[in-house]
Amino acid sequence: MLSPEKKRWLVLIAFFMLAVVILVIFFSLNYTRVCDNEKCFSDSLASCKRAEFLKESGDASWYYKINGLSAGDKCEVYVKLAQIKRGEIEILRLEGKDMTCFLPYSVVESPQSDVEQCHGELREEIQSILIQKMHSYLLENIGQVSNEFTTVI
């Protein structure tokens, strides 16, 4: 038979081991890999494993965070345009904006390449700029566009 002191120690050890197991499970489920190159990020995106990546290019800095699977077979990726390094003045308003994209599982592509799969302020601003550019193009080339329509009809 165990003495009360030994029972106390066994309960304390069991409690400690349970706490360690719970912490290991918690941290393994919430661990986010920090990638320092595109290959690491692409590998994480292909398997939709949690990861962060700051992509630097000549024009801009993009921050990506893979949050994991969402809505069954979609990979949820948070995208933020961290910094504009060069470009037209209207593009500067995109800096600091973000969106969440839902890519098909195992598809490795730049999340912002198809903004139709994204939701958020960055997507709305990108679409607004595209509409403004199309409007300006039409106004500048209205005669040419009108001639093309009349030849089609």
C-alpha atoms as a PDB file:
ATOM      1  CA  MET A   1       0.000   0.000   0.000  1.00  0.00           C
ATOM      2  CA  LEU A   2       1.220   3.484  -0.855  1.00  0.00           C
ATOM      3  CA  SER A   3       1.747   6.054   1.803  1.00  0.00           C
ATOM      4  CA  PRO A   4      -0.143   9.390   1.512  1.00  0.00           C
ATOM      5  CA  GLU A   5       3.114  11.154   0.678  1.00  0.00           C
ATOM      6  CA  LYS A   6       3.890   8.748  -2.208  1.00  0.00           C
ATOM      7  CA  LYS A   7       0.315   9.143  -3.519  1.00  0.00           C
ATOM      8  CA  ARG A   8       0.775  12.916  -3.493  1.00  0.00           C
ATOM      9  CA  TRP A   9       4.021  12.595  -5.483  1.00  0.00           C
ATOM     10  CA  LEU A  10       2.414  10.247  -8.011  1.00  0.00           C
ATOM     11  CA  VAL A  11      -0.510  12.649  -8.495  1.00  0.00           C
ATOM     12  CA  LEU A  12       1.915  15.564  -8.876  1.00  0.00           C
ATOM     13  CA  ILE A  13       4.021  13.661 -11.442  1.00  0.00           C
ATOM     14  CA  ALA A  14       0.909  12.579 -13.372  1.00  0.00           C
ATOM     15  CA  PHE A  15      -0.385  16.179 -13.383  1.00  0.00           C
ATOM     16  CA  PHE A  16       3.006  17.456 -14.587  1.00  0.00           C
ATOM     17  CA  MET A  17       3.166  14.870 -17.400  1.00  0.00           C
ATOM     18  CA  LEU A  18      -0.389  15.699 -18.490  1.00  0.00           C
ATOM     19  CA  ALA A  19       0.491  19.404 -18.567  1.00  0.00           C
ATOM     20  CA  VAL A  20       3.563  18.677 -20.716  1.00  0.00           C
ATOM     21  CA  VAL A  21       1.511  16.576 -23.158  1.00  0.00           C
ATOM     22  CA  ILE A  22      -1.122  19.317 -23.445  1.00  0.00           C
ATOM     23  CA  LEU A  23       1.547  21.971 -24.068  1.00  0.00           C
ATOM     24  CA  VAL A  24       3.273  19.854 -26.730  1.00  0.00           C
ATOM     25  CA  ILE A  25      -0.033  19.295 -28.548  1.00  0.00           C
ATOM     26  CA  PHE A  26      -0.952  22.990 -28.293  1.00  0.00           C
ATOM     27  CA  PHE A  27       2.387  24.214 -29.660  1.00  0.00           C
ATOM     28  CA  SER A  28       2.531  21.621 -32.435  1.00  0.00           C
ATOM     29  CA  LEU A  29      -0.936  22.645 -33.649  1.00  0.00           C
ATOM     30  CA  ASN A  30      -0.139  26.376 -33.495  1.00  0.00           C
ATOM     31  CA  TYR A  31       3.449  26.275 -34.740  1.00  0.00           C
ATOM     32  CA  THR A  32       4.098  28.538 -37.726  1.00  0.00           C
ATOM     33  CA  ARG A  33       7.232  27.930 -39.759  1.00  0.00           C
ATOM     34  CA  VAL A  34       9.139  31.072 -40.762  1.00  0.00           C
ATOM     35  CA  CYS A  35      10.439  30.692 -44.323  1.00  0.00           C
ATOM     36  CA  ASP A  36      13.428  32.635 -45.572  1.00  0.00           C
ATOM     37  CA  ASN A  37      13.171  31.588 -49.236  1.00  0.00           C
ATOM     38  CA  GLU A  38      10.546  30.879 -51.876  1.00  0.00           C
ATOM     39  CA  LYS A  39      11.196  27.130 -51.966  1.00  0.00           C
ATOM     40  CA  CYS A  40      10.362  26.792 -48.280  1.00  0.00           C
ATOM     41  CA  PHE A  41       7.178  28.805 -48.812  1.00  0.00           C
ATOM     42  CA  SER A  42       6.209  26.842 -51.947  1.00  0.00           C
ATOM     43  CA  ASP A  43       6.701  23.541 -50.125  1.00  0.00           C
ATOM     44  CA  SER A  44       4.519  24.771 -47.264  1.00  0.00           C
ATOM     45  CA  LEU A  45       1.888  26.042 -49.715  1.00  0.00           C
ATOM     46  CA  ALA A  46       1.813  22.717 -51.595  1.00  0.00           C
ATOM     47  CA  SER A  47       0.943  20.888 -48.375  1.00  0.00           C
ATOM     48  CA  CYS A  48      -0.955  23.859 -46.872  1.00  0.00           C
ATOM     49  CA  LYS A  49       1.168  23.821 -43.703  1.00  0.00           C
ATOM     50  CA  ARG A  50       1.321  26.906 -41.514  1.00  0.00           C
ATOM     51  CA  ALA A  51       4.161  29.211 -42.595  1.00  0.00           C
ATOM     52  CA  GLU A  52       5.138  32.872 -42.914  1.00  0.00           C
ATOM     53  CA  PHE A  53       7.184  34.456 -45.682  1.00  0.00           C
ATOM     54  CA  LEU A  54       8.262  37.979 -46.589  1.00  0.00           C
ATOM     55  CA  LYS A  55       8.843  38.127 -50.345  1.00  0.00           C
ATOM     56  CA  GLU A  56      11.087  40.949 -51.463  1.00  0.00           C
ATOM     57  CA  SER A  57      11.061  42.071 -55.075  1.00  0.00           C
ATOM     58  CA  GLY A  58      12.253  45.169 -56.889  1.00  0.00           C
ATOM     59  CA  ASP A  59       8.777  46.719 -56.839  1.00  0.00           C
ATOM     60  CA  ALA A  60       7.265  45.622 -53.538  1.00  0.00           C
ATOM     61  CA  SER A  61       7.466  43.557 -50.358  1.00  0.00           C
ATOM     62  CA  TRP A  62       4.697  40.989 -49.849  1.00  0.00           C
ATOM     63  CA  TYR A  63       3.960  39.275 -46.536  1.00  0.00           C
ATOM     64  CA  TYR A  64       2.285  35.863 -46.673  1.00  0.00           C
ATOM     65  CA  LYS A  65       0.971  33.694 -43.875  1.00  0.00           C
ATOM     66  CA  ILE A  66      -0.477  30.259 -44.596  1.00  0.00           C
ATOM     67  CA  ASN A  67      -3.181  29.622 -41.996  1.00  0.00           C
ATOM     68  CA  GLY A  68      -3.957  26.049 -43.057  1.00  0.00           C
ATOM     69  CA  LEU A  69      -6.947  24.295 -44.565  1.00  0.00           C
ATOM     70  CA  SER A  70     -10.265  26.125 -44.583  1.00  0.00           C
ATOM     71  CA  ALA A  71     -13.644  25.180 -46.027  1.00  0.00           C
ATOM     72  CA  GLY A  72     -12.558  21.614 -46.706  1.00  0.00           C
ATOM     73  CA  ASP A  73     -10.196  21.673 -49.660  1.00  0.00           C
ATOM     74  CA  LYS A  74      -9.074  25.318 -49.721  1.00  0.00           C
ATOM     75  CA  CYS A  75      -5.767  26.584 -48.367  1.00  0.00           C
ATOM     76  CA  GLU A  76      -6.241  29.881 -46.509  1.00  0.00           C
ATOM     77  CA  VAL A  77      -3.439  32.393 -47.105  1.00  0.00           C
ATOM     78  CA  TYR A  78      -3.239  35.861 -45.558  1.00  0.00           C
ATOM     79  CA  VAL A  79      -1.599  38.379 -47.926  1.00  0.00           C
ATOM     80  CA  LYS A  80      -0.381  41.871 -47.083  1.00  0.00           C
ATOM     81  CA  LEU A  81       1.296  44.351 -49.380  1.00  0.00           C
ATOM     82  CA  ALA A  82       3.893  45.437 -46.833  1.00  0.00           C
ATOM     83  CA  GLN A  83       5.766  48.024 -48.878  1.00  0.00           C
ATOM     84  CA  ILE A  84       5.673  49.604 -52.336  1.00  0.00           C
ATOM     85  CA  LYS A  85       9.200  50.312 -53.524  1.00  0.00           C
ATOM     86  CA  ARG A  86       8.343  51.856 -56.881  1.00  0.00           C
ATOM     87  CA  GLY A  87       5.365  52.288 -59.152  1.00  0.00           C
ATOM     88  CA  GLU A  88       2.663  54.717 -60.187  1.00  0.00           C
ATOM     89  CA  ILE A  89       1.201  57.115 -57.642  1.00  0.00           C
ATOM     90  CA  GLU A  90      -2.228  55.413 -57.470  1.00  0.00           C
ATOM     91  CA  ILE A  91      -0.574  52.116 -56.537  1.00  0.00           C
ATOM     92  CA  LEU A  92       0.859  53.692 -53.380  1.00  0.00           C
ATOM     93  CA  ARG A  93      -2.583  53.519 -51.767  1.00  0.00           C
ATOM     94  CA  LEU A  94      -2.277  49.710 -51.772  1.00  0.00           C
ATOM     95  CA  GLU A  95       0.586  49.783 -49.281  1.00  0.00           C
ATOM     96  CA  GLY A  96      -0.377  48.261 -45.934  1.00  0.00           C
ATOM     97  CA  LYS A  97      -3.623  46.764 -47.261  1.00  0.00           C
ATOM     98  CA  ASP A  98      -4.361  43.070 -46.799  1.00  0.00           C
ATOM     99  CA  MET A  99      -6.645  40.260 -47.930  1.00  0.00           C
ATOM    100  CA  THR A 100      -7.261  36.574 -47.343  1.00  0.00           C
ATOM    101  CA  CYS A 101      -7.053  34.184 -50.284  1.00  0.00           C
ATOM    102  CA  PHE A 102      -8.462  30.673 -50.583  1.00  0.00           C
ATOM    103  CA  LEU A 103      -6.348  28.602 -52.969  1.00  0.00           C
ATOM    104  CA  PRO A 104      -7.156  25.081 -54.127  1.00  0.00           C
ATOM    105  CA  TYR A 105      -5.277  22.500 -52.070  1.00  0.00           C
ATOM    106  CA  SER A 106      -1.800  21.618 -53.409  1.00  0.00           C
ATOM    107  CA  VAL A 107      -1.798  24.473 -55.945  1.00  0.00           C
ATOM    108  CA  VAL A 108       1.424  26.452 -55.746  1.00  0.00           C
ATOM    109  CA  GLU A 109       0.927  29.929 -57.162  1.00  0.00           C
ATOM    110  CA  SER A 110       1.217  33.471 -55.959  1.00  0.00           C
ATOM    111  CA  PRO A 111      -1.940  34.031 -53.863  1.00  0.00           C
ATOM    112  CA  GLN A 112      -2.582  37.452 -55.405  1.00  0.00           C
ATOM    113  CA  SER A 113      -2.341  36.117 -58.980  1.00  0.00           C
ATOM    114  CA  ASP A 114      -6.106  35.459 -58.973  1.00  0.00           C
ATOM    115  CA  VAL A 115      -7.794  38.054 -56.776  1.00  0.00           C
ATOM    116  CA  GLU A 116     -11.169  36.431 -57.482  1.00  0.00           C
ATOM    117  CA  GLN A 117     -10.204  33.853 -54.841  1.00  0.00           C
ATOM    118  CA  CYS A 118      -9.468  36.579 -52.281  1.00  0.00           C
ATOM    119  CA  HIS A 119     -11.465  38.791 -49.930  1.00  0.00           C
ATOM    120  CA  GLY A 120     -10.417  41.980 -48.224  1.00  0.00           C
ATOM    121  CA  GLU A 121      -9.409  45.593 -48.592  1.00  0.00           C
ATOM    122  CA  LEU A 122      -6.390  44.874 -50.808  1.00  0.00           C
ATOM    123  CA  ARG A 123      -8.555  43.028 -53.334  1.00  0.00           C
ATOM    124  CA  GLU A 124     -11.089  45.857 -53.412  1.00  0.00           C
ATOM    125  CA  GLU A 125      -8.369  48.465 -53.990  1.00  0.00           C
ATOM    126  CA  ILE A 126      -6.719  46.393 -56.760  1.00  0.00           C
ATOM    127  CA  GLN A 127     -10.061  46.043 -58.534  1.00  0.00           C
ATOM    128  CA  SER A 128     -10.757  49.755 -58.117  1.00  0.00           C
ATOM    129  CA  ILE A 129      -7.410  50.665 -59.720  1.00  0.00           C
ATOM    130  CA  LEU A 130      -8.043  48.249 -62.613  1.00  0.00           C
ATOM    131  CA  ILE A 131     -11.484  49.749 -63.240  1.00  0.00           C
ATOM    132  CA  GLN A 132     -10.028  53.289 -63.187  1.00  0.00           C
ATOM    133  CA  LYS A 133      -7.313  52.267 -65.673  1.00  0.00           C
ATOM    134  CA  MET A 134      -9.875  50.646 -67.999  1.00  0.00           C
ATOM    135  CA  HIS A 135     -12.054  53.744 -67.782  1.00  0.00           C
ATOM    136  CA  SER A 136      -9.105  56.016 -68.614  1.00  0.00           C
ATOM    137  CA  TYR A 137      -8.110  53.778 -71.529  1.00  0.00           C
ATOM    138  CA  LEU A 138     -11.640  53.865 -72.929  1.00  0.00           C
ATOM    139  CA  LEU A 139     -11.823  57.669 -72.632  1.00  0.00           C
ATOM    140  CA  GLU A 140      -8.441  58.111 -74.322  1.00  0.00           C
ATOM    141  CA  ASN A 141      -9.281  55.680 -77.146  1.00  0.00           C
ATOM    142  CA  ILE A 142     -13.026  56.212 -77.550  1.00  0.00           C
ATOM    143  CA  GLY A 143     -12.759  56.835 -81.309  1.00  0.00           C
ATOM    144  CA  GLN A 144     -10.752  53.693 -81.941  1.00  0.00           C
ATOM    145  CA  VAL A 145     -13.021  51.584 -79.701  1.00  0.00           C
ATOM    146  CA  SER A 146     -16.103  53.006 -81.437  1.00  0.00           C
ATOM    147  CA  ASN A 147     -14.676  52.118 -84.872  1.00  0.00           C
ATOM    148  CA  GLU A 148     -13.896  48.586 -83.729  1.00  0.00           C
ATOM    149  CA  PHE A 149     -17.471  48.121 -82.459  1.00  0.00           C
ATOM    150  CA  THR A 150     -18.981  49.349 -85.721  1.00  0.00           C
ATOM    151  CA  THR A 151     -16.840  46.950 -87.761  1.00  0.00           C
ATOM    152  CA  VAL A 152     -17.975  44.039 -85.552  1.00  0.00           C
ATOM    153  CA  ILE A 153     -21.658  44.933 -85.899  1.00  0.00           C
END
